[in-house]
Amino acid sequence: MDIYLEGYGVRILGNYDRTDVIIAETCEQLDVLETEIARFDLHMLRK
């Protein structure tokens, strides 16, 4: 799976074993995406 979320400016590369990678140009884009993910009681690991 390879999708681009235009409204958030991030690209998500998904694998079959749930090792998805999120690519963003800025940390702020990740912050906004993480906030939206949390609204649905889901979680994102960041390093």
N, C-alpha and C. Protein backbone atom coordinates (compact mmCIF):
# COMPACT_ATOMS: atom_id res chain seq x y z
N MET A 1 0.85 -1.16 0.00
CA MET A 1 0.00 0.00 0.00
C MET A 1 0.91 1.24 0.00
N ASP A 2 0.60 2.18 -0.83
CA ASP A 2 1.34 3.43 -0.90
C ASP A 2 0.31 4.53 -1.14
N ILE A 3 0.06 5.35 -0.10
CA ILE A 3 -0.94 6.40 -0.25
C ILE A 3 -0.36 7.74 0.17
N TYR A 4 -0.90 8.79 -0.41
CA TYR A 4 -0.53 10.15 -0.05
C TYR A 4 -1.77 10.84 0.48
N LEU A 5 -1.71 11.32 1.72
CA LEU A 5 -2.82 12.03 2.33
C LEU A 5 -2.64 13.52 2.07
N GLU A 6 -3.26 13.98 1.03
CA GLU A 6 -3.06 15.34 0.55
C GLU A 6 -3.37 16.40 1.62
N GLY A 7 -4.42 16.19 2.39
CA GLY A 7 -4.80 17.16 3.41
C GLY A 7 -3.80 17.29 4.55
N TYR A 8 -2.97 16.27 4.74
CA TYR A 8 -1.99 16.28 5.82
C TYR A 8 -0.56 16.41 5.30
N GLY A 9 -0.37 16.25 4.00
CA GLY A 9 0.96 16.36 3.42
C GLY A 9 1.90 15.24 3.82
N VAL A 10 1.36 14.04 4.04
CA VAL A 10 2.19 12.90 4.43
C VAL A 10 1.93 11.72 3.50
N ARG A 11 2.95 10.90 3.37
CA ARG A 11 2.86 9.68 2.57
C ARG A 11 2.97 8.50 3.52
N ILE A 12 2.15 7.48 3.29
CA ILE A 12 2.16 6.28 4.12
C ILE A 12 2.48 5.08 3.25
N LEU A 13 3.52 4.37 3.65
CA LEU A 13 3.89 3.12 2.99
C LEU A 13 3.54 1.99 3.94
N GLY A 14 2.61 1.15 3.55
CA GLY A 14 2.16 0.07 4.42
C GLY A 14 2.66 -1.28 3.96
N ASN A 15 3.01 -2.11 4.92
CA ASN A 15 3.43 -3.49 4.64
C ASN A 15 2.42 -4.47 5.20
N TYR A 16 2.54 -5.69 4.82
CA TYR A 16 1.59 -6.72 5.24
C TYR A 16 1.68 -7.04 6.72
N ASP A 17 2.80 -6.75 7.35
CA ASP A 17 3.00 -7.12 8.76
C ASP A 17 2.84 -5.94 9.72
N ARG A 18 2.09 -4.93 9.29
CA ARG A 18 1.78 -3.75 10.11
C ARG A 18 2.98 -2.89 10.43
N THR A 19 3.99 -2.94 9.60
CA THR A 19 5.15 -2.07 9.77
C THR A 19 5.02 -0.91 8.78
N ASP A 20 4.06 -0.05 9.04
CA ASP A 20 3.82 1.09 8.17
C ASP A 20 4.84 2.19 8.44
N VAL A 21 5.19 2.91 7.40
CA VAL A 21 6.13 4.02 7.50
C VAL A 21 5.40 5.28 7.06
N ILE A 22 5.51 6.32 7.86
CA ILE A 22 4.89 7.61 7.53
C ILE A 22 6.02 8.58 7.19
N ILE A 23 5.92 9.19 6.03
CA ILE A 23 6.94 10.13 5.57
C ILE A 23 6.32 11.52 5.50
N ALA A 24 6.95 12.47 6.17
CA ALA A 24 6.46 13.85 6.17
C ALA A 24 7.65 14.79 6.03
N GLU A 25 7.40 15.97 5.50
CA GLU A 25 8.48 16.95 5.35
C GLU A 25 8.79 17.66 6.66
N THR A 26 7.80 17.81 7.53
CA THR A 26 8.03 18.52 8.78
C THR A 26 7.45 17.74 9.96
N CYS A 27 7.95 18.03 11.14
CA CYS A 27 7.42 17.43 12.37
C CYS A 27 5.99 17.91 12.63
N GLU A 28 5.70 19.13 12.21
CA GLU A 28 4.35 19.68 12.42
C GLU A 28 3.31 18.86 11.67
N GLN A 29 3.64 18.38 10.49
CA GLN A 29 2.72 17.54 9.73
C GLN A 29 2.42 16.25 10.50
N LEU A 30 3.46 15.69 11.11
CA LEU A 30 3.26 14.48 11.92
C LEU A 30 2.42 14.77 13.15
N ASP A 31 2.62 15.93 13.77
CA ASP A 31 1.83 16.32 14.94
C ASP A 31 0.35 16.38 14.60
N VAL A 32 0.03 17.01 13.47
CA VAL A 32 -1.38 17.12 13.05
C VAL A 32 -1.96 15.74 12.78
N LEU A 33 -1.22 14.91 12.08
CA LEU A 33 -1.70 13.56 11.78
C LEU A 33 -1.90 12.75 13.06
N GLU A 34 -0.96 12.87 13.99
CA GLU A 34 -1.07 12.14 15.26
C GLU A 34 -2.30 12.58 16.05
N THR A 35 -2.61 13.86 16.02
CA THR A 35 -3.81 14.37 16.70
C THR A 35 -5.07 13.77 16.09
N GLU A 36 -5.12 13.71 14.78
CA GLU A 36 -6.29 13.13 14.10
C GLU A 36 -6.41 11.64 14.40
N ILE A 37 -5.30 10.94 14.42
CA ILE A 37 -5.30 9.50 14.73
C ILE A 37 -5.84 9.28 16.14
N ALA A 38 -5.43 10.11 17.09
CA ALA A 38 -5.86 9.98 18.49
C ALA A 38 -7.36 10.22 18.64
N ARG A 39 -7.94 11.02 17.77
CA ARG A 39 -9.39 11.27 17.83
C ARG A 39 -10.19 9.98 17.69
N PHE A 40 -9.62 8.99 17.04
CA PHE A 40 -10.29 7.70 16.83
C PHE A 40 -9.78 6.64 17.80
N ASP A 41 -9.12 7.11 18.87
CA ASP A 41 -8.58 6.23 19.92
C ASP A 41 -7.56 5.23 19.37
N LEU A 42 -6.81 5.67 18.37
CA LEU A 42 -5.73 4.86 17.81
C LEU A 42 -4.40 5.50 18.22
N HIS A 43 -3.32 4.80 17.98
CA HIS A 43 -2.02 5.28 18.44
C HIS A 43 -0.97 5.16 17.34
N MET A 44 0.02 6.01 17.44
CA MET A 44 1.11 6.04 16.48
C MET A 44 2.41 6.05 17.26
N LEU A 45 3.33 5.17 16.91
CA LEU A 45 4.64 5.16 17.55
C LEU A 45 5.56 6.10 16.78
N ARG A 46 6.27 6.94 17.52
CA ARG A 46 7.20 7.88 16.88
C ARG A 46 8.59 7.68 17.44
N LYS A 47 9.54 7.90 16.60
CA LYS A 47 10.93 7.78 17.05
C LYS A 47 11.67 9.02 16.71
